[in-house]
C-alpha atoms as a PDB file:
ATOM      1  CA  MET A   1      -9.552   3.343  -4.595  1.00  0.00           C
ATOM      2  CA  ARG A   2     -12.621   3.332  -2.120  1.00  0.00           C
ATOM      3  CA  LEU A   3     -15.178   4.792  -4.473  1.00  0.00           C
ATOM      4  CA  GLY A   4     -18.596   4.452  -3.695  1.00  0.00           C
ATOM      5  CA  GLU A   5     -21.402   4.899  -6.596  1.00  0.00           C
ATOM      6  CA  ILE A   6     -25.127   5.080  -6.060  1.00  0.00           C
ATOM      7  CA  GLU A   7     -28.574   5.946  -7.884  1.00  0.00           C
ATOM      8  CA  ARG A   8     -31.669   6.736  -6.307  1.00  0.00           C
ATOM      9  CA  ASN A   9     -35.022   7.332  -8.290  1.00  0.00           C
ATOM     10  CA  THR A  10     -38.038   7.702  -6.409  1.00  0.00           C
ATOM     11  CA  LEU A  11     -41.508  10.026  -7.719  1.00  0.00           C
ATOM     12  CA  GLU A  12     -39.541  12.815  -5.663  1.00  0.00           C
ATOM     13  CA  THR A  13     -36.086  12.566  -6.382  1.00  0.00           C
ATOM     14  CA  GLN A  14     -33.482  11.314  -9.140  1.00  0.00           C
ATOM     15  CA  ILE A  15     -29.964  11.375  -7.571  1.00  0.00           C
ATOM     16  CA  ARG A  16     -26.652  10.084  -8.481  1.00  0.00           C
ATOM     17  CA  VAL A  17     -23.619  10.140  -6.443  1.00  0.00           C
ATOM     18  CA  ARG A  18     -20.190   9.229  -6.870  1.00  0.00           C
ATOM     19  CA  LEU A  19     -17.271   9.428  -4.045  1.00  0.00           C
ATOM     20  CA  ASP A  20     -14.225   8.595  -3.912  1.00  0.00           C
ATOM     21  CA  LEU A  21     -12.748   8.318  -0.084  1.00  0.00           C
ATOM     22  CA  ASP A  22      -9.295   8.854  -1.089  1.00  0.00           C
ATOM     23  CA  GLY A  23      -9.610  11.791  -3.226  1.00  0.00           C
ATOM     24  CA  THR A  24      -7.906  15.135  -3.250  1.00  0.00           C
ATOM     25  CA  GLY A  25     -11.070  17.200  -2.873  1.00  0.00           C
ATOM     26  CA  LYS A  26     -12.546  17.797  -6.082  1.00  0.00           C
ATOM     27  CA  VAL A  27     -16.465  18.133  -6.719  1.00  0.00           C
ATOM     28  CA  LYS A  28     -18.715  18.561  -9.194  1.00  0.00           C
ATOM     29  CA  LEU A  29     -22.230  19.577  -7.422  1.00  0.00           C
ATOM     30  CA  ALA A  30     -25.371  19.839  -9.295  1.00  0.00           C
ATOM     31  CA  SER A  31     -27.933  19.661  -6.434  1.00  0.00           C
ATOM     32  CA  GLY A  32     -30.333  22.197  -7.584  1.00  0.00           C
ATOM     33  CA  ILE A  33     -29.994  23.685  -4.489  1.00  0.00           C
ATOM     34  CA  GLY A  34     -27.060  26.349  -4.272  1.00  0.00           C
ATOM     35  CA  PHE A  35     -26.746  26.549  -0.300  1.00  0.00           C
ATOM     36  CA  LEU A  36     -25.897  22.506  -0.303  1.00  0.00           C
ATOM     37  CA  ASP A  37     -23.871  22.529  -3.110  1.00  0.00           C
ATOM     38  CA  HIS A  38     -21.679  24.917  -0.990  1.00  0.00           C
ATOM     39  CA  MET A  39     -22.153  22.861   2.193  1.00  0.00           C
ATOM     40  CA  LEU A  40     -21.344  19.691   0.264  1.00  0.00           C
ATOM     41  CA  GLU A  41     -17.860  21.168  -1.513  1.00  0.00           C
ATOM     42  CA  GLN A  42     -17.005  21.614   2.356  1.00  0.00           C
ATOM     43  CA  ILE A  43     -17.296  18.119   3.221  1.00  0.00           C
ATOM     44  CA  ALA A  44     -15.340  17.327   0.047  1.00  0.00           C
ATOM     45  CA  ARG A  45     -12.145  19.682   0.337  1.00  0.00           C
ATOM     46  CA  HIS A  46     -11.822  19.414   4.315  1.00  0.00           C
ATOM     47  CA  GLY A  47     -12.421  15.451   3.804  1.00  0.00           C
ATOM     48  CA  MET A  48     -10.277  15.286   1.136  1.00  0.00           C
ATOM     49  CA  LEU A  49     -12.830  12.975  -0.977  1.00  0.00           C
ATOM     50  CA  ASP A  50     -13.835  13.261  -4.425  1.00  0.00           C
ATOM     51  CA  LEU A  51     -17.557  14.014  -4.539  1.00  0.00           C
ATOM     52  CA  GLU A  52     -19.930  14.093  -7.253  1.00  0.00           C
ATOM     53  CA  VAL A  53     -23.869  15.062  -6.697  1.00  0.00           C
ATOM     54  CA  GLU A  54     -26.508  15.122  -9.595  1.00  0.00           C
ATOM     55  CA  ALA A  55     -29.703  15.696  -8.620  1.00  0.00           C
ATOM     56  CA  LYS A  56     -33.247  16.601  -9.452  1.00  0.00           C
ATOM     57  CA  GLY A  57     -35.830  16.980  -6.999  1.00  0.00           C
ATOM     58  CA  ASP A  58     -39.008  18.480  -6.575  1.00  0.00           C
ATOM     59  CA  LEU A  59     -38.114  22.226  -5.533  1.00  0.00           C
ATOM     60  CA  HIS A  60     -41.367  23.361  -6.602  1.00  0.00           C
ATOM     61  CA  ILE A  61     -42.697  22.183  -3.263  1.00  0.00           C
ATOM     62  CA  ASP A  62     -39.429  23.062  -1.108  1.00  0.00           C
ATOM     63  CA  GLY A  63     -35.735  21.297  -0.324  1.00  0.00           C
ATOM     64  CA  HIS A  64     -36.876  18.816   2.244  1.00  0.00           C
ATOM     65  CA  HIS A  65     -36.938  15.498  -0.166  1.00  0.00           C
ATOM     66  CA  SER A  66     -33.880  16.366  -2.228  1.00  0.00           C
ATOM     67  CA  VAL A  67     -31.807  17.329   0.708  1.00  0.00           C
ATOM     68  CA  GLU A  68     -32.745  14.500   2.980  1.00  0.00           C
ATOM     69  CA  ASP A  69     -32.149  12.077  -0.160  1.00  0.00           C
ATOM     70  CA  ILE A  70     -28.841  13.355  -0.956  1.00  0.00           C
ATOM     71  CA  GLY A  71     -27.982  12.546   2.589  1.00  0.00           C
ATOM     72  CA  ILE A  72     -29.244   9.223   2.210  1.00  0.00           C
ATOM     73  CA  CYS A  73     -27.429   8.531  -0.969  1.00  0.00           C
ATOM     74  CA  ILE A  74     -24.192   9.929   0.193  1.00  0.00           C
ATOM     75  CA  GLY A  75     -24.106   7.860   3.462  1.00  0.00           C
ATOM     76  CA  GLN A  76     -24.830   4.647   0.788  1.00  0.00           C
ATOM     77  CA  ALA A  77     -21.742   5.746  -0.745  1.00  0.00           C
ATOM     78  CA  ILE A  78     -19.578   6.199   1.669  1.00  0.00           C
ATOM     79  CA  ALA A  79     -20.882   2.418   3.341  1.00  0.00           C
ATOM     80  CA  GLN A  80     -20.009   1.403  -0.206  1.00  0.00           C
ATOM     81  CA  ALA A  81     -16.703   3.059  -0.106  1.00  0.00           C
ATOM     82  CA  ILE A  82     -15.373   1.885   3.387  1.00  0.00           C
ATOM     83  CA  GLY A  83     -16.027  -1.656   2.681  1.00  0.00           C
ATOM     84  CA  ASP A  84     -15.243  -4.002   5.441  1.00  0.00           C
ATOM     85  CA  LYS A  85     -13.801  -1.600   7.724  1.00  0.00           C
ATOM     86  CA  LYS A  86     -10.566  -3.403   7.932  1.00  0.00           C
ATOM     87  CA  GLY A  87      -7.544  -1.080   8.463  1.00  0.00           C
ATOM     88  CA  ILE A  88      -9.187   2.160   9.326  1.00  0.00           C
ATOM     89  CA  ASN A  89      -8.653   4.580  12.075  1.00  0.00           C
ATOM     90  CA  ARG A  90     -12.823   3.945  12.904  1.00  0.00           C
ATOM     91  CA  TYR A  91     -12.912   7.186  14.960  1.00  0.00           C
ATOM     92  CA  GLY A  92     -12.399  10.777  13.574  1.00  0.00           C
ATOM     93  CA  HIS A  93     -12.994  14.305  15.460  1.00  0.00           C
ATOM     94  CA  ALA A  94     -12.963  17.513  14.565  1.00  0.00           C
ATOM     95  CA  TYR A  95     -12.803  21.153  16.120  1.00  0.00           C
ATOM     96  CA  VAL A  96     -13.840  24.152  13.219  1.00  0.00           C
ATOM     97  CA  PRO A  97     -14.155  27.897  13.596  1.00  0.00           C
ATOM     98  CA  LEU A  98     -15.366  30.321  11.049  1.00  0.00           C
ATOM     99  CA  ASP A  99     -14.994  33.449  12.954  1.00  0.00           C
ATOM    100  CA  GLU A 100     -17.371  33.852  15.551  1.00  0.00           C
ATOM    101  CA  ALA A 101     -18.665  30.110  14.968  1.00  0.00           C
ATOM    102  CA  LEU A 102     -17.012  26.865  16.478  1.00  0.00           C
ATOM    103  CA  SER A 103     -18.525  23.621  15.886  1.00  0.00           C
ATOM    104  CA  ARG A 104     -17.052  19.971  16.968  1.00  0.00           C
ATOM    105  CA  VAL A 105     -17.887  16.851  15.089  1.00  0.00           C
ATOM    106  CA  VAL A 106     -16.985  12.662  16.177  1.00  0.00           C
ATOM    107  CA  VAL A 107     -17.338  10.325  13.679  1.00  0.00           C
ATOM    108  CA  ASP A 108     -17.339   6.578  14.757  1.00  0.00           C
ATOM    109  CA  PHE A 109     -17.365   3.843  11.821  1.00  0.00           C
ATOM    110  CA  SER A 110     -19.692   1.568  14.088  1.00  0.00           C
ATOM    111  CA  GLY A 111     -21.793   0.010  12.121  1.00  0.00           C
ATOM    112  CA  ARG A 112     -24.672   1.340  14.385  1.00  0.00           C
ATOM    113  CA  PRO A 113     -26.491   4.535  12.943  1.00  0.00           C
ATOM    114  CA  GLY A 114     -26.753   7.136  15.447  1.00  0.00           C
ATOM    115  CA  LEU A 115     -27.034  10.814  15.140  1.00  0.00           C
ATOM    116  CA  VAL A 116     -26.593  13.627  17.946  1.00  0.00           C
ATOM    117  CA  PHE A 117     -27.155  16.832  16.734  1.00  0.00           C
ATOM    118  CA  GLU A 118     -26.936  20.305  19.310  1.00  0.00           C
ATOM    119  CA  VAL A 119     -27.295  23.080  17.002  1.00  0.00           C
ATOM    120  CA  ALA A 120     -29.007  26.337  18.069  1.00  0.00           C
ATOM    121  CA  PHE A 121     -29.195  27.898  14.592  1.00  0.00           C
ATOM    122  CA  VAL A 122     -29.830  31.908  15.349  1.00  0.00           C
ATOM    123  CA  ARG A 123     -31.939  31.722  12.275  1.00  0.00           C
ATOM    124  CA  ALA A 124     -34.737  29.948  10.646  1.00  0.00           C
ATOM    125  CA  LEU A 125     -33.108  30.559   7.104  1.00  0.00           C
ATOM    126  CA  ILE A 126     -30.371  31.070   5.296  1.00  0.00           C
ATOM    127  CA  GLY A 127     -31.254  32.679   2.117  1.00  0.00           C
ATOM    128  CA  GLU A 128     -34.252  30.616   1.264  1.00  0.00           C
ATOM    129  CA  PHE A 129     -32.469  27.528   2.593  1.00  0.00           C
ATOM    130  CA  ASP A 130     -34.056  26.192   5.802  1.00  0.00           C
ATOM    131  CA  VAL A 131     -31.938  25.329   8.711  1.00  0.00           C
ATOM    132  CA  ASP A 132     -33.809  22.294   9.722  1.00  0.00           C
ATOM    133  CA  LEU A 133     -32.646  20.613   6.532  1.00  0.00           C
ATOM    134  CA  VAL A 134     -29.228  20.431   7.720  1.00  0.00           C
ATOM    135  CA  HIS A 135     -30.580  17.910  10.384  1.00  0.00           C
ATOM    136  CA  GLU A 136     -32.364  15.851   8.030  1.00  0.00           C
ATOM    137  CA  PHE A 137     -29.320  15.590   5.613  1.00  0.00           C
ATOM    138  CA  PHE A 138     -26.946  14.252   8.576  1.00  0.00           C
ATOM    139  CA  GLN A 139     -29.641  12.202   9.627  1.00  0.00           C
ATOM    140  CA  GLY A 140     -30.209  10.512   5.930  1.00  0.00           C
ATOM    141  CA  LEU A 141     -26.421  10.355   5.824  1.00  0.00           C
ATOM    142  CA  VAL A 142     -26.056   8.623   9.393  1.00  0.00           C
ATOM    143  CA  ASN A 143     -28.742   6.495   8.732  1.00  0.00           C
ATOM    144  CA  HIS A 144     -27.270   4.653   5.271  1.00  0.00           C
ATOM    145  CA  ALA A 145     -23.514   5.048   6.419  1.00  0.00           C
ATOM    146  CA  ALA A 146     -24.588   2.968   9.376  1.00  0.00           C
ATOM    147  CA  ILE A 147     -21.977   5.546  11.604  1.00  0.00           C
ATOM    148  CA  THR A 148     -22.729   7.339  14.887  1.00  0.00           C
ATOM    149  CA  VAL A 149     -21.971  11.037  14.394  1.00  0.00           C
ATOM    150  CA  HIS A 150     -21.960  13.617  16.978  1.00  0.00           C
ATOM    151  CA  ILE A 151     -22.536  17.212  16.024  1.00  0.00           C
ATOM    152  CA  ASP A 152     -21.965  20.434  18.206  1.00  0.00           C
ATOM    153  CA  ASN A 153     -22.387  23.784  17.748  1.00  0.00           C
ATOM    154  CA  LEU A 154     -20.380  25.484  20.541  1.00  0.00           C
ATOM    155  CA  ARG A 155     -21.306  29.206  19.544  1.00  0.00           C
ATOM    156  CA  GLY A 156     -22.302  31.360  16.432  1.00  0.00           C
ATOM    157  CA  ASP A 157     -23.890  34.682  15.811  1.00  0.00           C
ATOM    158  CA  ASN A 158     -24.064  34.045  12.151  1.00  0.00           C
ATOM    159  CA  ALA A 159     -26.062  30.996  11.134  1.00  0.00           C
ATOM    160  CA  HIS A 160     -24.305  30.774   7.707  1.00  0.00           C
ATOM    161  CA  HIS A 161     -21.228  30.562   9.846  1.00  0.00           C
ATOM    162  CA  GLN A 162     -22.711  27.821  12.099  1.00  0.00           C
ATOM    163  CA  ALA A 163     -23.887  25.472   9.206  1.00  0.00           C
ATOM    164  CA  GLU A 164     -20.410  25.809   7.428  1.00  0.00           C
ATOM    165  CA  THR A 165     -18.448  24.737  10.508  1.00  0.00           C
ATOM    166  CA  LEU A 166     -20.513  21.821  10.938  1.00  0.00           C
ATOM    167  CA  PHE A 167     -19.991  20.525   7.299  1.00  0.00           C
ATOM    168  CA  LYS A 168     -16.266  21.686   7.715  1.00  0.00           C
ATOM    169  CA  ALA A 169     -15.998  19.577  10.895  1.00  0.00           C
ATOM    170  CA  PHE A 170     -18.047  16.398   9.679  1.00  0.00           C
ATOM    171  CA  GLY A 171     -15.198  16.656   6.509  1.00  0.00           C
ATOM    172  CA  ARG A 172     -12.516  16.582   8.753  1.00  0.00           C
ATOM    173  CA  ALA A 173     -13.614  13.953  10.845  1.00  0.00           C
ATOM    174  CA  LEU A 174     -14.770  11.614   8.589  1.00  0.00           C
ATOM    175  CA  ARG A 175     -10.976  11.865   6.296  1.00  0.00           C
ATOM    176  CA  MET A 176      -9.722  11.040  10.074  1.00  0.00           C
ATOM    177  CA  ALA A 177     -11.856   8.135  10.662  1.00  0.00           C
ATOM    178  CA  ALA A 178     -11.360   6.352   7.681  1.00  0.00           C
ATOM    179  CA  GLN A 179      -7.591   7.035   7.305  1.00  0.00           C
ATOM    180  CA  ALA A 180      -5.348   3.980   7.761  1.00  0.00           C
ATOM    181  CA  ASP A 181      -4.653   2.564  11.304  1.00  0.00           C
ATOM    182  CA  PRO A 182      -1.137   1.914  11.725  1.00  0.00           C
ATOM    183  CA  ARG A 183      -1.640  -1.594  12.565  1.00  0.00           C
ATOM    184  CA  GLY A 184      -2.323  -2.749   8.917  1.00  0.00           C
ATOM    185  CA  ALA A 185      -4.528  -3.048   6.235  1.00  0.00           C
ATOM    186  CA  GLY A 186      -5.856  -6.394   7.970  1.00  0.00           C
ATOM    187  CA  HIS A 187      -6.477  -5.067  11.406  1.00  0.00           C
ATOM    188  CA  LEU A 188     -10.178  -4.444  12.808  1.00  0.00           C
ATOM    189  CA  PRO A 189     -10.406  -1.775  15.400  1.00  0.00           C
ATOM    190  CA  SER A 190     -12.991  -3.492  17.419  1.00  0.00           C
ATOM    191  CA  THR A 191     -12.424  -5.933  20.591  1.00  0.00           C
ATOM    192  CA  LYS A 192     -15.999  -7.655  19.341  1.00  0.00           C
ATOM    193  CA  GLY A 193     -14.060  -8.509  15.942  1.00  0.00           C
ATOM    194  CA  SER A 194     -16.968  -7.266  13.741  1.00  0.00           C
ATOM    195  CA  LEU A 195     -18.310  -3.582  12.983  1.00  0.00           C
END
């Protein structure tokens, strides 16, 4: 089983993440931020990974530290779970619609952290959730998973729908990239011989 387990304790947040890349979409989420839990469930369900997140953070200030640090921990858990990357597809992509909204996400287990985030949310808040934190979440995840991710919202008139398509598409693209390459467990998908 490809498991990642991370604990992160700072003066701002205390976080525990457990992630199984070969799961079935089971979740146990307690981030303290309802909308974030809803988005993390999208990653797990559509990515077919099991995800547990338990977090306590300085939410009396705002959600920034919690959201960013949860992204960091999930990124670290992905890196731990994926291991040496031998035998994986490496690349994954997905288009996901939700009513009027449509997003595309492309993932590369490149070993090089890089995020391209082209999302123009139609409003600044989804309930009490600041949409700027979506970028912060993915930036933390990408940096610590050492993956390249392109995230594009192609259209949408509802900010909740826009966000949900991003997280669903990321889950599906991640699942495709992490799946077994038909060339076998020893194959490393790189002409350089390392990732």
